[in-house]
């Protein structure tokens, strides 16, 4: 998944992100604004997981989005 594309189309991706990580608030999604590193940090914070686990979840999300 190309995160430049995600960033450019963030409004469309917000729904997919929200359905995957429902604990993320609209304010957090606005701050993330399509940036992968920020997404990982907010997943880590909101779900109490390690950085590695947050990265793994994003990788899984990317794999599913490619299908």
C-alpha atoms as a PDB file:
ATOM      1  CA  UNK A   1       0.000   0.000   0.000  1.00  0.00           C
ATOM      2  CA  UNK A   2       1.343   3.394  -0.964  1.00  0.00           C
ATOM      3  CA  UNK A   3       0.930   5.729   1.987  1.00  0.00           C
ATOM      4  CA  UNK A   4       1.264   8.798  -0.256  1.00  0.00           C
ATOM      5  CA  UNK A   5      -1.961   7.608  -1.883  1.00  0.00           C
ATOM      6  CA  UNK A   6      -3.541   7.018   1.519  1.00  0.00           C
ATOM      7  CA  UNK A   7      -2.529  10.495   2.608  1.00  0.00           C
ATOM      8  CA  UNK A   8      -3.957  12.034  -0.564  1.00  0.00           C
ATOM      9  CA  UNK A   9      -7.249  10.160  -0.171  1.00  0.00           C
ATOM     10  CA  UNK A  10      -7.439  10.244   3.604  1.00  0.00           C
ATOM     11  CA  UNK A  11     -11.155  11.057   3.733  1.00  0.00           C
ATOM     12  CA  UNK A  12     -11.934   7.825   1.885  1.00  0.00           C
ATOM     13  CA  UNK A  13      -9.558   5.749   4.037  1.00  0.00           C
ATOM     14  CA  UNK A  14     -10.808   7.147   7.346  1.00  0.00           C
ATOM     15  CA  UNK A  15     -13.868   4.901   7.202  1.00  0.00           C
ATOM     16  CA  UNK A  16     -11.768   1.796   6.679  1.00  0.00           C
ATOM     17  CA  UNK A  17      -9.396   2.816   9.463  1.00  0.00           C
ATOM     18  CA  UNK A  18     -12.325   3.604  11.768  1.00  0.00           C
ATOM     19  CA  UNK A  19     -13.940   0.202  11.114  1.00  0.00           C
ATOM     20  CA  UNK A  20     -10.643  -1.585  11.820  1.00  0.00           C
ATOM     21  CA  UNK A  21      -9.636   0.472  14.883  1.00  0.00           C
ATOM     22  CA  UNK A  22     -12.905   1.699  16.377  1.00  0.00           C
ATOM     23  CA  UNK A  23     -11.284   3.181  19.473  1.00  0.00           C
ATOM     24  CA  UNK A  24      -9.624   5.886  17.389  1.00  0.00           C
ATOM     25  CA  UNK A  25     -11.535   9.151  17.671  1.00  0.00           C
ATOM     26  CA  UNK A  26     -12.329  11.597  14.883  1.00  0.00           C
ATOM     27  CA  UNK A  27      -9.817  13.993  16.410  1.00  0.00           C
ATOM     28  CA  UNK A  28      -7.121  11.310  16.341  1.00  0.00           C
ATOM     29  CA  UNK A  29      -7.966  10.478  12.735  1.00  0.00           C
ATOM     30  CA  UNK A  30      -7.649  14.156  11.841  1.00  0.00           C
ATOM     31  CA  UNK A  31      -4.203  14.283  13.475  1.00  0.00           C
ATOM     32  CA  UNK A  32      -3.080  11.063  11.765  1.00  0.00           C
ATOM     33  CA  UNK A  33      -4.037  12.514   8.355  1.00  0.00           C
ATOM     34  CA  UNK A  34      -2.801   9.469   6.450  1.00  0.00           C
ATOM     35  CA  UNK A  35       0.623   9.246   8.072  1.00  0.00           C
ATOM     36  CA  UNK A  36       1.540   5.648   8.840  1.00  0.00           C
ATOM     37  CA  UNK A  37       3.836   6.477  11.772  1.00  0.00           C
ATOM     38  CA  UNK A  38       1.147   8.559  13.457  1.00  0.00           C
ATOM     39  CA  UNK A  39      -1.380   5.779  12.923  1.00  0.00           C
ATOM     40  CA  UNK A  40       0.956   3.296  14.587  1.00  0.00           C
ATOM     41  CA  UNK A  41       1.462   5.613  17.536  1.00  0.00           C
ATOM     42  CA  UNK A  42      -2.250   6.174  18.055  1.00  0.00           C
ATOM     43  CA  UNK A  43      -2.997   2.444  17.781  1.00  0.00           C
ATOM     44  CA  UNK A  44      -0.289   1.788  20.334  1.00  0.00           C
ATOM     45  CA  UNK A  45      -1.691   4.424  22.687  1.00  0.00           C
ATOM     46  CA  UNK A  46      -5.390   3.638  22.258  1.00  0.00           C
ATOM     47  CA  UNK A  47      -5.095  -0.144  22.422  1.00  0.00           C
ATOM     48  CA  UNK A  48      -2.195  -0.475  24.867  1.00  0.00           C
ATOM     49  CA  UNK A  49      -0.103  -2.580  22.501  1.00  0.00           C
ATOM     50  CA  UNK A  50       3.597  -2.505  21.711  1.00  0.00           C
ATOM     51  CA  UNK A  51       4.938  -0.601  18.735  1.00  0.00           C
ATOM     52  CA  UNK A  52       5.721  -3.932  17.052  1.00  0.00           C
ATOM     53  CA  UNK A  53       2.123  -5.114  17.526  1.00  0.00           C
ATOM     54  CA  UNK A  54       0.770  -1.847  16.131  1.00  0.00           C
ATOM     55  CA  UNK A  55       3.047  -2.200  13.093  1.00  0.00           C
ATOM     56  CA  UNK A  56       1.890  -5.805  12.611  1.00  0.00           C
ATOM     57  CA  UNK A  57      -1.746  -4.715  12.698  1.00  0.00           C
ATOM     58  CA  UNK A  58      -1.053  -2.070  10.058  1.00  0.00           C
ATOM     59  CA  UNK A  59       0.778  -4.614   7.899  1.00  0.00           C
ATOM     60  CA  UNK A  60      -2.233  -6.950   8.166  1.00  0.00           C
ATOM     61  CA  UNK A  61      -4.514  -4.051   7.194  1.00  0.00           C
ATOM     62  CA  UNK A  62      -2.305  -3.299   4.166  1.00  0.00           C
ATOM     63  CA  UNK A  63      -2.409  -6.935   3.044  1.00  0.00           C
ATOM     64  CA  UNK A  64      -6.203  -7.001   3.264  1.00  0.00           C
ATOM     65  CA  UNK A  65      -6.497  -3.705   1.381  1.00  0.00           C
ATOM     66  CA  UNK A  66      -4.498  -5.126  -1.525  1.00  0.00           C
ATOM     67  CA  UNK A  67      -7.006  -7.950  -2.085  1.00  0.00           C
END
